Amino acid sequence: MKFKQKITVMLLSVLCFSCASQEKPLQLQSGDLLFQGVSSTKLSEAIDKVTQTDSATHFSHVGLLEIEKDGVAFVLHADSEGGTCRLPLTDFLKPEGDSIQTVAYRLKQPWQNTIPAAIAVAKEMLGKPYNFSYVLSDSTHYCSEFIYRAFEQDSVFRLNPMTFKDPVTGDFFPTWVDYYQRQGIEIPEGELGCNPNGMAASDKLECLGIVED
């Protein structure tokens, strides 16, 4: 399905402080990052709870947009069901069985030249399994790790120590305790990693708005 050259975005300052306050036409371009809000799954909610930033975003997933010369748009991302894959934008915007919001971000001008190489690297990583441990790996990838790896050669994004604890109580969230017990591994508290909320807070990105399908 061909990508519409112009899509409508609702620019809400509640979600992105850097967005304008009114609607206006927006033309997405290759290299834009598409962040998706928290879904109805417990794991998605758990990711959001331990990755909050001052930007007040609530993202649990991210993908990299690629628009071909004929206007067909695809999203490169790491999915818990399909692993690292490339799928049509329309399918990314409407995942089966869930209704979630997608917000577009764009690299600021000084980093625009990193996009072609990042897309090439992302394509080289396609076909790998999903990284369910969330520990950095060369053979498996989770969503924000996939994006980090794509732009790694140009040092666009940073890694930070991960936490799986409730910021109020200091205790591990029960969802994460159960999650890692089922995997038979220790919670990787303090290990370097990345997440969608932290990535969206990068000063190298600007928020464009909510993508309307």
C-alpha atoms as a PDB file:
ATOM      1  CA  MET A   1       0.000   0.000   0.000  1.00  0.00           C
ATOM      2  CA  LYS A   2       1.426   3.395  -0.950  1.00  0.00           C
ATOM      3  CA  PHE A   3       2.242   5.870   1.758  1.00  0.00           C
ATOM      4  CA  LYS A   4       0.262   9.095   1.635  1.00  0.00           C
ATOM      5  CA  GLN A   5       2.649  11.932   1.142  1.00  0.00           C
ATOM      6  CA  LYS A   6       0.838  14.062   3.668  1.00  0.00           C
ATOM      7  CA  ILE A   7      -0.630  12.807   6.910  1.00  0.00           C
ATOM      8  CA  THR A   8      -2.388  14.719   9.621  1.00  0.00           C
ATOM      9  CA  VAL A   9      -0.798  14.926  13.008  1.00  0.00           C
ATOM     10  CA  MET A  10      -2.368  16.238  16.186  1.00  0.00           C
ATOM     11  CA  LEU A  11       0.320  18.128  18.031  1.00  0.00           C
ATOM     12  CA  LEU A  12      -0.358  17.790  21.731  1.00  0.00           C
ATOM     13  CA  SER A  13       1.963  19.482  24.192  1.00  0.00           C
ATOM     14  CA  VAL A  14       0.864  16.997  26.860  1.00  0.00           C
ATOM     15  CA  LEU A  15       2.795  14.297  25.010  1.00  0.00           C
ATOM     16  CA  CYS A  16       5.633  16.291  23.498  1.00  0.00           C
ATOM     17  CA  PHE A  17       6.580  19.623  24.984  1.00  0.00           C
ATOM     18  CA  SER A  18       8.522  20.493  21.826  1.00  0.00           C
ATOM     19  CA  CYS A  19       5.513  20.058  19.552  1.00  0.00           C
ATOM     20  CA  ALA A  20       3.432  22.932  18.301  1.00  0.00           C
ATOM     21  CA  SER A  21      -0.023  23.421  19.785  1.00  0.00           C
ATOM     22  CA  GLN A  22      -2.104  23.184  16.611  1.00  0.00           C
ATOM     23  CA  GLU A  23      -2.731  20.665  13.873  1.00  0.00           C
ATOM     24  CA  LYS A  24      -0.823  21.002  10.630  1.00  0.00           C
ATOM     25  CA  PRO A  25       0.067  18.766   7.706  1.00  0.00           C
ATOM     26  CA  LEU A  26       3.232  16.743   8.148  1.00  0.00           C
ATOM     27  CA  GLN A  27       5.306  14.827   5.664  1.00  0.00           C
ATOM     28  CA  LEU A  28       7.133  11.957   7.291  1.00  0.00           C
ATOM     29  CA  GLN A  29      10.557  11.082   5.925  1.00  0.00           C
ATOM     30  CA  SER A  30      12.995   8.205   6.072  1.00  0.00           C
ATOM     31  CA  GLY A  31      14.820   8.116   9.363  1.00  0.00           C
ATOM     32  CA  ASP A  32      11.929   9.338  11.477  1.00  0.00           C
ATOM     33  CA  LEU A  33      11.497   7.368  14.674  1.00  0.00           C
ATOM     34  CA  LEU A  34       8.006   6.151  15.498  1.00  0.00           C
ATOM     35  CA  PHE A  35       7.326   5.713  19.205  1.00  0.00           C
ATOM     36  CA  GLN A  36       4.285   3.814  20.376  1.00  0.00           C
ATOM     37  CA  GLY A  37       2.420   4.198  23.622  1.00  0.00           C
ATOM     38  CA  VAL A  38       1.838   1.620  26.302  1.00  0.00           C
ATOM     39  CA  SER A  39      -0.308  -1.299  25.169  1.00  0.00           C
ATOM     40  CA  SER A  40      -2.670  -3.375  27.274  1.00  0.00           C
ATOM     41  CA  THR A  41      -0.041  -5.987  28.188  1.00  0.00           C
ATOM     42  CA  LYS A  42       1.454  -6.113  31.683  1.00  0.00           C
ATOM     43  CA  LEU A  43       4.983  -6.181  30.263  1.00  0.00           C
ATOM     44  CA  SER A  44       4.369  -3.025  28.239  1.00  0.00           C
ATOM     45  CA  GLU A  45       3.078  -1.278  31.354  1.00  0.00           C
ATOM     46  CA  ALA A  46       6.062  -2.529  33.366  1.00  0.00           C
ATOM     47  CA  ILE A  47       8.491  -1.140  30.784  1.00  0.00           C
ATOM     48  CA  ASP A  48       6.836   2.270  30.992  1.00  0.00           C
ATOM     49  CA  LYS A  49       6.844   2.359  34.798  1.00  0.00           C
ATOM     50  CA  VAL A  50      10.599   1.847  35.121  1.00  0.00           C
ATOM     51  CA  THR A  51      11.645   4.072  32.205  1.00  0.00           C
ATOM     52  CA  GLN A  52       9.862   7.339  32.921  1.00  0.00           C
ATOM     53  CA  THR A  53      11.705  10.602  32.189  1.00  0.00           C
ATOM     54  CA  ASP A  54      11.001  14.271  32.834  1.00  0.00           C
ATOM     55  CA  SER A  55       9.434  14.475  29.370  1.00  0.00           C
ATOM     56  CA  ALA A  56       6.307  12.699  30.661  1.00  0.00           C
ATOM     57  CA  THR A  57       6.100  10.361  27.682  1.00  0.00           C
ATOM     58  CA  HIS A  58       4.612   6.897  27.981  1.00  0.00           C
ATOM     59  CA  PHE A  59       6.304   4.834  25.281  1.00  0.00           C
ATOM     60  CA  SER A  60       7.082   1.127  25.304  1.00  0.00           C
ATOM     61  CA  HIS A  61       8.051   0.575  21.644  1.00  0.00           C
ATOM     62  CA  VAL A  62       9.961   2.297  18.827  1.00  0.00           C
ATOM     63  CA  GLY A  63      10.655   1.670  15.137  1.00  0.00           C
ATOM     64  CA  LEU A  64      12.642   3.294  12.305  1.00  0.00           C
ATOM     65  CA  LEU A  65      10.781   4.585   9.255  1.00  0.00           C
ATOM     66  CA  GLU A  66      12.025   3.911   5.720  1.00  0.00           C
ATOM     67  CA  ILE A  67      10.236   5.418   2.710  1.00  0.00           C
ATOM     68  CA  GLU A  68      11.187   4.020  -0.679  1.00  0.00           C
ATOM     69  CA  LYS A  69      11.499   6.115  -3.845  1.00  0.00           C
ATOM     70  CA  ASP A  70       8.031   5.073  -4.989  1.00  0.00           C
ATOM     71  CA  GLY A  71       6.509   6.343  -1.731  1.00  0.00           C
ATOM     72  CA  VAL A  72       5.956   2.963  -0.081  1.00  0.00           C
ATOM     73  CA  ALA A  73       6.690   3.217   3.647  1.00  0.00           C
ATOM     74  CA  PHE A  74       8.056   0.516   5.931  1.00  0.00           C
ATOM     75  CA  VAL A  75       9.056   0.355   9.577  1.00  0.00           C
ATOM     76  CA  LEU A  76      12.191  -1.458  10.709  1.00  0.00           C
ATOM     77  CA  HIS A  77      11.838  -2.648  14.285  1.00  0.00           C
ATOM     78  CA  ALA A  78      12.323  -5.453  16.803  1.00  0.00           C
ATOM     79  CA  ASP A  79       9.060  -7.118  17.721  1.00  0.00           C
ATOM     80  CA  SER A  80       8.476  -9.622  20.515  1.00  0.00           C
ATOM     81  CA  GLU A  81       6.593 -11.914  18.124  1.00  0.00           C
ATOM     82  CA  GLY A  82       8.439 -11.453  14.833  1.00  0.00           C
ATOM     83  CA  GLY A  83      11.940 -10.555  15.987  1.00  0.00           C
ATOM     84  CA  THR A  84      13.772  -7.925  13.949  1.00  0.00           C
ATOM     85  CA  CYS A  85      11.573  -7.288  10.936  1.00  0.00           C
ATOM     86  CA  ARG A  86      10.447  -4.831   8.276  1.00  0.00           C
ATOM     87  CA  LEU A  87       6.736  -4.315   7.812  1.00  0.00           C
ATOM     88  CA  PRO A  88       4.419  -1.832   6.072  1.00  0.00           C
ATOM     89  CA  LEU A  89       3.776   1.392   7.978  1.00  0.00           C
ATOM     90  CA  THR A  90       0.042   0.731   7.983  1.00  0.00           C
ATOM     91  CA  ASP A  91       0.579  -2.577   9.792  1.00  0.00           C
ATOM     92  CA  PHE A  92       2.868  -0.931  12.341  1.00  0.00           C
ATOM     93  CA  LEU A  93       0.291   1.766  13.087  1.00  0.00           C
ATOM     94  CA  LYS A  94      -2.458  -0.792  13.671  1.00  0.00           C
ATOM     95  CA  PRO A  95      -1.037  -3.826  15.470  1.00  0.00           C
ATOM     96  CA  GLU A  96      -3.497  -6.681  15.606  1.00  0.00           C
ATOM     97  CA  GLY A  97      -5.619  -6.806  18.724  1.00  0.00           C
ATOM     98  CA  ASP A  98      -4.572  -3.487  20.238  1.00  0.00           C
ATOM     99  CA  SER A  99      -5.220   0.217  19.862  1.00  0.00           C
ATOM    100  CA  ILE A 100      -2.154   2.299  20.608  1.00  0.00           C
ATOM    101  CA  GLN A 101      -0.879   5.752  19.781  1.00  0.00           C
ATOM    102  CA  THR A 102       2.122   6.413  17.542  1.00  0.00           C
ATOM    103  CA  VAL A 103       4.187   9.591  17.870  1.00  0.00           C
ATOM    104  CA  ALA A 104       6.789  10.638  15.293  1.00  0.00           C
ATOM    105  CA  TYR A 105      10.164  12.109  16.223  1.00  0.00           C
ATOM    106  CA  ARG A 106      12.863  13.387  13.868  1.00  0.00           C
ATOM    107  CA  LEU A 107      16.611  13.724  14.250  1.00  0.00           C
ATOM    108  CA  LYS A 108      17.665  17.358  14.284  1.00  0.00           C
ATOM    109  CA  GLN A 109      19.599  18.667  11.291  1.00  0.00           C
ATOM    110  CA  PRO A 110      23.156  18.008  12.570  1.00  0.00           C
ATOM    111  CA  TRP A 111      22.376  14.277  12.725  1.00  0.00           C
ATOM    112  CA  GLN A 112      20.301  13.889   9.562  1.00  0.00           C
ATOM    113  CA  ASN A 113      23.343  12.629   7.655  1.00  0.00           C
ATOM    114  CA  THR A 114      23.505   9.542   9.908  1.00  0.00           C
ATOM    115  CA  ILE A 115      20.197   8.182   8.617  1.00  0.00           C
ATOM    116  CA  PRO A 116      21.230   6.348   5.394  1.00  0.00           C
ATOM    117  CA  ALA A 117      23.911   4.351   7.218  1.00  0.00           C
ATOM    118  CA  ALA A 118      21.542   3.626  10.116  1.00  0.00           C
ATOM    119  CA  ILE A 119      18.890   2.223   7.780  1.00  0.00           C
ATOM    120  CA  ALA A 120      21.523   0.068   6.078  1.00  0.00           C
ATOM    121  CA  VAL A 121      22.695  -1.297   9.441  1.00  0.00           C
ATOM    122  CA  ALA A 122      19.105  -1.918  10.530  1.00  0.00           C
ATOM    123  CA  LYS A 123      18.491  -3.968   7.387  1.00  0.00           C
ATOM    124  CA  GLU A 124      21.573  -6.045   8.109  1.00  0.00           C
ATOM    125  CA  MET A 125      20.086  -6.920  11.515  1.00  0.00           C
ATOM    126  CA  LEU A 126      16.766  -8.150  10.107  1.00  0.00           C
ATOM    127  CA  GLY A 127      15.837 -11.736  10.811  1.00  0.00           C
ATOM    128  CA  LYS A 128      17.337 -11.939  14.305  1.00  0.00           C
ATOM    129  CA  PRO A 129      15.278 -13.128  17.286  1.00  0.00           C
ATOM    130  CA  TYR A 130      13.823 -10.781  19.873  1.00  0.00           C
ATOM    131  CA  ASN A 131      15.973 -10.144  22.942  1.00  0.00           C
ATOM    132  CA  PHE A 132      13.718 -11.179  25.820  1.00  0.00           C
ATOM    133  CA  SER A 133      16.463 -10.769  28.427  1.00  0.00           C
ATOM    134  CA  TYR A 134      16.934  -7.037  27.658  1.00  0.00           C
ATOM    135  CA  VAL A 135      20.659  -7.583  28.154  1.00  0.00           C
ATOM    136  CA  LEU A 136      22.637  -6.132  25.222  1.00  0.00           C
ATOM    137  CA  SER A 137      23.445  -8.772  22.624  1.00  0.00           C
ATOM    138  CA  ASP A 138      24.820  -9.068  19.105  1.00  0.00           C
ATOM    139  CA  SER A 139      22.569 -11.983  18.188  1.00  0.00           C
ATOM    140  CA  THR A 140      19.199 -10.803  19.537  1.00  0.00           C
ATOM    141  CA  HIS A 141      17.645  -7.347  19.857  1.00  0.00           C
ATOM    142  CA  TYR A 142      14.828  -5.588  21.696  1.00  0.00           C
ATOM    143  CA  CYS A 143      13.170  -2.538  20.160  1.00  0.00           C
ATOM    144  CA  SER A 144      15.244   0.373  21.474  1.00  0.00           C
ATOM    145  CA  GLU A 145      18.425  -1.710  21.353  1.00  0.00           C
ATOM    146  CA  PHE A 146      17.733  -2.289  17.641  1.00  0.00           C
ATOM    147  CA  ILE A 147      17.540   1.484  17.091  1.00  0.00           C
ATOM    148  CA  TYR A 148      20.611   2.111  19.248  1.00  0.00           C
ATOM    149  CA  ARG A 149      22.619  -0.431  17.219  1.00  0.00           C
ATOM    150  CA  ALA A 150      21.450   1.100  13.930  1.00  0.00           C
ATOM    151  CA  PHE A 151      22.854   4.517  14.908  1.00  0.00           C
ATOM    152  CA  GLU A 152      25.728   3.251  17.065  1.00  0.00           C
ATOM    153  CA  GLN A 153      28.505   3.963  14.552  1.00  0.00           C
ATOM    154  CA  ASP A 154      27.651   7.669  14.759  1.00  0.00           C
ATOM    155  CA  SER A 155      27.111   7.696  18.548  1.00  0.00           C
ATOM    156  CA  VAL A 156      23.631   9.179  18.202  1.00  0.00           C
ATOM    157  CA  PHE A 157      22.107   7.572  21.300  1.00  0.00           C
ATOM    158  CA  ARG A 158      23.524   6.682  24.706  1.00  0.00           C
ATOM    159  CA  LEU A 159      23.277   3.680  26.973  1.00  0.00           C
ATOM    160  CA  ASN A 160      22.353   4.089  30.636  1.00  0.00           C
ATOM    161  CA  PRO A 161      22.129   1.764  33.639  1.00  0.00           C
ATOM    162  CA  MET A 162      18.809  -0.084  33.608  1.00  0.00           C
ATOM    163  CA  THR A 163      16.482  -0.347  36.575  1.00  0.00           C
ATOM    164  CA  PHE A 164      13.505  -2.590  37.190  1.00  0.00           C
ATOM    165  CA  LYS A 165      12.556  -1.090  40.544  1.00  0.00           C
ATOM    166  CA  ASP A 166       9.585   0.967  41.655  1.00  0.00           C
ATOM    167  CA  PRO A 167      10.965   4.525  42.029  1.00  0.00           C
ATOM    168  CA  VAL A 168       8.695   5.071  45.042  1.00  0.00           C
ATOM    169  CA  THR A 169       9.327   1.908  47.080  1.00  0.00           C
ATOM    170  CA  GLY A 170      12.730   0.905  45.715  1.00  0.00           C
ATOM    171  CA  ASP A 171      11.482  -2.666  45.317  1.00  0.00           C
ATOM    172  CA  PHE A 172      11.458  -4.649  42.096  1.00  0.00           C
ATOM    173  CA  PHE A 173       8.111  -4.533  40.318  1.00  0.00           C
ATOM    174  CA  PRO A 174       6.342  -7.905  40.740  1.00  0.00           C
ATOM    175  CA  THR A 175       5.895  -8.132  36.959  1.00  0.00           C
ATOM    176  CA  TRP A 176       9.668  -8.040  36.462  1.00  0.00           C
ATOM    177  CA  VAL A 177      10.325 -10.505  39.289  1.00  0.00           C
ATOM    178  CA  ASP A 178       7.953 -12.991  37.700  1.00  0.00           C
ATOM    179  CA  TYR A 179       9.279 -12.257  34.199  1.00  0.00           C
ATOM    180  CA  TYR A 180      12.902 -13.076  35.031  1.00  0.00           C
ATOM    181  CA  GLN A 181      12.036 -16.004  37.270  1.00  0.00           C
ATOM    182  CA  ARG A 182      10.329 -17.624  34.284  1.00  0.00           C
ATOM    183  CA  GLN A 183      13.466 -17.029  32.215  1.00  0.00           C
ATOM    184  CA  GLY A 184      15.658 -18.498  34.926  1.00  0.00           C
ATOM    185  CA  ILE A 185      18.011 -15.512  35.056  1.00  0.00           C
ATOM    186  CA  GLU A 186      18.696 -12.718  37.513  1.00  0.00           C
ATOM    187  CA  ILE A 187      17.168  -9.308  36.975  1.00  0.00           C
ATOM    188  CA  PRO A 188      19.846  -7.286  35.100  1.00  0.00           C
ATOM    189  CA  GLU A 189      19.576  -4.329  37.473  1.00  0.00           C
ATOM    190  CA  GLY A 190      22.231  -1.699  36.766  1.00  0.00           C
ATOM    191  CA  GLU A 191      23.414  -3.172  33.459  1.00  0.00           C
ATOM    192  CA  LEU A 192      23.714  -0.809  30.508  1.00  0.00           C
ATOM    193  CA  GLY A 193      20.745  -0.626  28.185  1.00  0.00           C
ATOM    194  CA  CYS A 194      18.233   1.718  26.584  1.00  0.00           C
ATOM    195  CA  ASN A 195      14.490   2.210  26.407  1.00  0.00           C
ATOM    196  CA  PRO A 196      11.909   4.097  24.296  1.00  0.00           C
ATOM    197  CA  ASN A 197      11.158   6.787  26.902  1.00  0.00           C
ATOM    198  CA  GLY A 198      14.833   7.565  27.388  1.00  0.00           C
ATOM    199  CA  MET A 199      15.464   7.590  23.657  1.00  0.00           C
ATOM    200  CA  ALA A 200      12.562   9.982  23.035  1.00  0.00           C
ATOM    201  CA  ALA A 201      14.061  12.357  25.613  1.00  0.00           C
ATOM    202  CA  SER A 202      17.291  12.717  23.593  1.00  0.00           C
ATOM    203  CA  ASP A 203      18.237  16.312  22.808  1.00  0.00           C
ATOM    204  CA  LYS A 204      19.087  15.144  19.296  1.00  0.00           C
ATOM    205  CA  LEU A 205      15.411  14.502  18.527  1.00  0.00           C
ATOM    206  CA  GLU A 206      12.456  16.784  17.983  1.00  0.00           C
ATOM    207  CA  CYS A 207       8.867  15.668  18.472  1.00  0.00           C
ATOM    208  CA  LEU A 208       6.668  16.028  15.378  1.00  0.00           C
ATOM    209  CA  GLY A 209       3.327  14.805  16.698  1.00  0.00           C
ATOM    210  CA  ILE A 210       0.822  11.997  16.728  1.00  0.00           C
ATOM    211  CA  VAL A 211       0.648   9.990  13.512  1.00  0.00           C
ATOM    212  CA  GLU A 212      -2.881   9.521  12.234  1.00  0.00           C
ATOM    213  CA  ASP A 213      -3.391   6.487   9.990  1.00  0.00           C
END
